[in-house]
Amino acid sequence: MLPLEDIAFQLVALPPISSKRTEPWIAGVLQTVDAAWLVVDLADPACAEHLLAICTEPAQRRITLSDRWPDLSADSDTQRLLRK
């Protein structure tokens, strides 16, 4: 674990996600995490197709990759707790 203030980070390297072959246990790993980094090789001419496959494959297992943190609007319970 990598401690930073009151947060502990754990970096885990996973096998590639692709439309051809994705390890079945990756879905279980992704469902239990709070956040994930997605790394894409922008030098690869096919990176757009790879990104589409990376987002489509987990979606088939009801896992959504998003660039937004879930509901941190002013009306959310999290924000009300933080103000107390």
N, C-alpha and C. Protein backbone atom coordinates (compact mmCIF):
# COMPACT_ATOMS: atom_id res chain seq x y z
N MET A 1 0.84 -1.18 0.00
CA MET A 1 0.00 0.00 0.00
C MET A 1 0.88 1.25 0.00
N LEU A 2 0.42 2.24 -0.72
CA LEU A 2 1.11 3.51 -0.80
C LEU A 2 0.30 4.53 0.00
N PRO A 3 0.78 4.92 1.18
CA PRO A 3 0.01 5.88 1.97
C PRO A 3 0.20 7.31 1.47
N LEU A 4 -0.90 8.06 1.44
CA LEU A 4 -0.87 9.48 1.10
C LEU A 4 -1.92 10.14 1.96
N GLU A 5 -1.47 10.92 2.94
CA GLU A 5 -2.34 11.53 3.94
C GLU A 5 -3.20 10.43 4.58
N ASP A 6 -4.52 10.49 4.43
CA ASP A 6 -5.37 9.47 5.07
C ASP A 6 -5.90 8.45 4.06
N ILE A 7 -5.22 8.31 2.92
CA ILE A 7 -5.64 7.38 1.88
C ILE A 7 -4.52 6.38 1.63
N ALA A 8 -4.88 5.13 1.42
CA ALA A 8 -3.90 4.10 1.06
C ALA A 8 -4.19 3.64 -0.37
N PHE A 9 -3.20 3.79 -1.25
CA PHE A 9 -3.33 3.38 -2.64
C PHE A 9 -2.69 2.02 -2.82
N GLN A 10 -3.30 1.20 -3.64
CA GLN A 10 -2.70 -0.06 -4.02
C GLN A 10 -2.74 -0.14 -5.54
N LEU A 11 -1.57 -0.24 -6.16
CA LEU A 11 -1.49 -0.35 -7.60
C LEU A 11 -1.42 -1.81 -7.99
N VAL A 12 -2.28 -2.22 -8.88
CA VAL A 12 -2.34 -3.60 -9.32
C VAL A 12 -2.32 -3.60 -10.85
N ALA A 13 -1.38 -4.29 -11.42
CA ALA A 13 -1.31 -4.42 -12.88
C ALA A 13 -2.20 -5.57 -13.31
N LEU A 14 -3.09 -5.30 -14.23
CA LEU A 14 -4.02 -6.31 -14.72
C LEU A 14 -3.67 -6.67 -16.16
N PRO A 15 -4.07 -7.85 -16.60
CA PRO A 15 -3.87 -8.20 -18.01
C PRO A 15 -4.74 -7.30 -18.89
N PRO A 16 -4.42 -7.22 -20.17
CA PRO A 16 -5.18 -6.34 -21.06
C PRO A 16 -6.65 -6.74 -21.17
N ILE A 17 -7.49 -5.73 -21.38
CA ILE A 17 -8.90 -5.95 -21.66
C ILE A 17 -9.07 -5.79 -23.17
N SER A 18 -9.64 -6.78 -23.82
CA SER A 18 -9.84 -6.70 -25.27
C SER A 18 -11.09 -7.47 -25.65
N SER A 19 -11.55 -7.24 -26.87
CA SER A 19 -12.73 -7.97 -27.34
C SER A 19 -12.40 -9.42 -27.67
N LYS A 20 -11.12 -9.70 -27.91
CA LYS A 20 -10.72 -11.07 -28.25
C LYS A 20 -10.63 -11.97 -27.04
N ARG A 21 -10.03 -11.46 -25.96
CA ARG A 21 -9.85 -12.29 -24.77
C ARG A 21 -9.68 -11.41 -23.54
N THR A 22 -10.57 -11.58 -22.60
CA THR A 22 -10.47 -10.89 -21.32
C THR A 22 -10.61 -11.93 -20.22
N GLU A 23 -9.70 -11.89 -19.28
CA GLU A 23 -9.77 -12.84 -18.16
C GLU A 23 -11.10 -12.67 -17.42
N PRO A 24 -11.82 -13.74 -17.14
CA PRO A 24 -13.14 -13.63 -16.51
C PRO A 24 -13.10 -13.04 -15.10
N TRP A 25 -12.00 -13.18 -14.39
CA TRP A 25 -11.92 -12.69 -13.02
C TRP A 25 -11.71 -11.18 -12.94
N ILE A 26 -11.39 -10.53 -14.06
CA ILE A 26 -11.16 -9.08 -14.04
C ILE A 26 -12.44 -8.34 -13.63
N ALA A 27 -13.59 -8.82 -14.05
CA ALA A 27 -14.85 -8.17 -13.68
C ALA A 27 -15.01 -8.11 -12.17
N GLY A 28 -14.69 -9.18 -11.47
CA GLY A 28 -14.77 -9.19 -10.02
C GLY A 28 -13.83 -8.20 -9.38
N VAL A 29 -12.64 -8.06 -9.92
CA VAL A 29 -11.68 -7.10 -9.39
C VAL A 29 -12.19 -5.68 -9.60
N LEU A 30 -12.67 -5.37 -10.80
CA LEU A 30 -13.14 -4.02 -11.09
C LEU A 30 -14.39 -3.64 -10.30
N GLN A 31 -15.23 -4.61 -9.95
CA GLN A 31 -16.43 -4.30 -9.19
C GLN A 31 -16.13 -3.92 -7.75
N THR A 32 -14.98 -4.28 -7.24
CA THR A 32 -14.68 -4.02 -5.83
C THR A 32 -13.82 -2.78 -5.60
N VAL A 33 -13.36 -2.12 -6.66
CA VAL A 33 -12.47 -0.98 -6.48
C VAL A 33 -13.25 0.32 -6.36
N ASP A 34 -12.63 1.31 -5.71
CA ASP A 34 -13.23 2.63 -5.62
C ASP A 34 -12.92 3.48 -6.85
N ALA A 35 -11.77 3.23 -7.45
CA ALA A 35 -11.36 3.98 -8.64
C ALA A 35 -10.35 3.16 -9.42
N ALA A 36 -10.21 3.49 -10.69
CA ALA A 36 -9.24 2.78 -11.54
C ALA A 36 -8.65 3.77 -12.53
N TRP A 37 -7.41 3.57 -12.87
CA TRP A 37 -6.74 4.35 -13.92
C TRP A 37 -6.77 3.54 -15.19
N LEU A 38 -7.07 4.21 -16.26
CA LEU A 38 -7.05 3.59 -17.57
C LEU A 38 -5.89 4.19 -18.35
N VAL A 39 -4.99 3.35 -18.80
CA VAL A 39 -3.82 3.80 -19.54
C VAL A 39 -3.96 3.34 -20.99
N VAL A 40 -3.85 4.31 -21.90
CA VAL A 40 -3.98 4.03 -23.33
C VAL A 40 -2.74 4.55 -24.04
N ASP A 41 -2.21 3.76 -24.95
CA ASP A 41 -1.04 4.17 -25.73
C ASP A 41 -1.50 5.05 -26.88
N LEU A 42 -1.36 6.36 -26.75
CA LEU A 42 -1.83 7.29 -27.77
C LEU A 42 -0.97 7.25 -29.03
N ALA A 43 0.21 6.66 -28.96
CA ALA A 43 1.06 6.52 -30.14
C ALA A 43 0.57 5.41 -31.07
N ASP A 44 -0.29 4.54 -30.56
CA ASP A 44 -0.84 3.44 -31.36
C ASP A 44 -1.94 3.99 -32.27
N PRO A 45 -1.82 3.81 -33.58
CA PRO A 45 -2.86 4.33 -34.49
C PRO A 45 -4.25 3.75 -34.22
N ALA A 46 -4.33 2.60 -33.63
CA ALA A 46 -5.63 1.96 -33.35
C ALA A 46 -6.11 2.22 -31.93
N CYS A 47 -5.58 3.25 -31.26
CA CYS A 47 -5.93 3.46 -29.85
C CYS A 47 -7.42 3.76 -29.67
N ALA A 48 -8.07 4.42 -30.62
CA ALA A 48 -9.51 4.70 -30.50
C ALA A 48 -10.31 3.40 -30.50
N GLU A 49 -9.94 2.47 -31.36
CA GLU A 49 -10.63 1.18 -31.38
C GLU A 49 -10.38 0.39 -30.10
N HIS A 50 -9.16 0.47 -29.60
CA HIS A 50 -8.84 -0.20 -28.34
C HIS A 50 -9.64 0.39 -27.19
N LEU A 51 -9.76 1.71 -27.16
CA LEU A 51 -10.52 2.36 -26.10
C LEU A 51 -11.99 1.96 -26.16
N LEU A 52 -12.55 1.87 -27.35
CA LEU A 52 -13.93 1.42 -27.49
C LEU A 52 -14.10 0.00 -26.96
N ALA A 53 -13.16 -0.89 -27.28
CA ALA A 53 -13.22 -2.27 -26.79
C ALA A 53 -13.07 -2.32 -25.27
N ILE A 54 -12.19 -1.46 -24.74
CA ILE A 54 -11.97 -1.43 -23.30
C ILE A 54 -13.23 -1.00 -22.57
N CYS A 55 -13.99 -0.08 -23.13
CA CYS A 55 -15.23 0.37 -22.49
C CYS A 55 -16.39 -0.59 -22.73
N THR A 56 -16.40 -1.25 -23.88
CA THR A 56 -17.51 -2.16 -24.22
C THR A 56 -17.43 -3.46 -23.46
N GLU A 57 -16.26 -4.02 -23.34
CA GLU A 57 -16.10 -5.33 -22.69
C GLU A 57 -16.59 -5.32 -21.23
N PRO A 58 -16.15 -4.38 -20.38
CA PRO A 58 -16.68 -4.37 -19.00
C PRO A 58 -18.18 -4.06 -18.96
N ALA A 59 -18.68 -3.27 -19.89
CA ALA A 59 -20.11 -2.94 -19.91
C ALA A 59 -20.96 -4.19 -20.07
N GLN A 60 -20.44 -5.19 -20.75
CA GLN A 60 -21.17 -6.46 -20.88
C GLN A 60 -21.29 -7.18 -19.55
N ARG A 61 -20.45 -6.79 -18.62
CA ARG A 61 -20.50 -7.38 -17.26
C ARG A 61 -21.04 -6.38 -16.24
N ARG A 62 -21.76 -5.37 -16.73
CA ARG A 62 -22.38 -4.32 -15.91
C ARG A 62 -21.37 -3.50 -15.13
N ILE A 63 -20.24 -3.20 -15.75
CA ILE A 63 -19.23 -2.33 -15.16
C ILE A 63 -19.09 -1.12 -16.08
N THR A 64 -19.27 0.06 -15.51
CA THR A 64 -19.20 1.28 -16.30
C THR A 64 -17.94 2.05 -15.95
N LEU A 65 -17.18 2.38 -16.97
CA LEU A 65 -16.01 3.23 -16.78
C LEU A 65 -16.45 4.67 -17.04
N SER A 66 -16.12 5.57 -16.14
CA SER A 66 -16.57 6.95 -16.24
C SER A 66 -15.43 7.90 -15.93
N ASP A 67 -15.51 9.10 -16.45
CA ASP A 67 -14.52 10.12 -16.12
C ASP A 67 -15.02 11.02 -15.00
N ARG A 68 -16.12 10.67 -14.38
CA ARG A 68 -16.71 11.47 -13.30
C ARG A 68 -16.82 10.65 -12.01
N TRP A 69 -16.60 11.31 -10.89
CA TRP A 69 -16.82 10.67 -9.60
C TRP A 69 -18.31 10.70 -9.32
N PRO A 70 -18.90 9.64 -8.77
CA PRO A 70 -20.35 9.60 -8.61
C PRO A 70 -20.88 10.68 -7.67
N ASP A 71 -21.89 11.38 -8.11
CA ASP A 71 -22.71 12.36 -7.39
C ASP A 71 -22.03 13.08 -6.23
N LEU A 72 -21.18 14.02 -6.54
CA LEU A 72 -20.62 14.89 -5.52
C LEU A 72 -21.21 16.30 -5.66
N SER A 73 -22.47 16.35 -6.07
CA SER A 73 -23.16 17.63 -6.21
C SER A 73 -23.45 18.21 -4.83
N ALA A 74 -23.83 19.45 -4.80
CA ALA A 74 -24.08 20.14 -3.53
C ALA A 74 -25.21 19.49 -2.74
N ASP A 75 -26.12 18.78 -3.41
CA ASP A 75 -27.26 18.16 -2.72
C ASP A 75 -26.98 16.74 -2.25
N SER A 76 -25.81 16.21 -2.55
CA SER A 76 -25.57 14.82 -2.20
C SER A 76 -25.31 14.64 -0.70
N ASP A 77 -25.53 13.43 -0.22
CA ASP A 77 -25.29 13.11 1.19
C ASP A 77 -23.83 13.33 1.55
N THR A 78 -22.92 13.03 0.63
CA THR A 78 -21.49 13.20 0.90
C THR A 78 -21.17 14.64 1.20
N GLN A 79 -21.69 15.56 0.40
CA GLN A 79 -21.41 16.98 0.62
C GLN A 79 -22.02 17.47 1.92
N ARG A 80 -23.19 16.98 2.26
CA ARG A 80 -23.82 17.38 3.55
C ARG A 80 -22.96 16.90 4.72
N LEU A 81 -22.41 15.69 4.62
CA LEU A 81 -21.57 15.19 5.71
C LEU A 81 -20.28 15.98 5.81
N LEU A 82 -19.70 16.37 4.66
CA LEU A 82 -18.45 17.11 4.66
C LEU A 82 -18.62 18.50 5.27
N ARG A 83 -19.79 19.08 5.16
CA ARG A 83 -20.02 20.43 5.70
C ARG A 83 -20.17 20.41 7.22
N LYS A 84 -20.48 19.27 7.81
CA LYS A 84 -20.68 19.21 9.28
C LYS A 84 -19.40 19.26 10.05
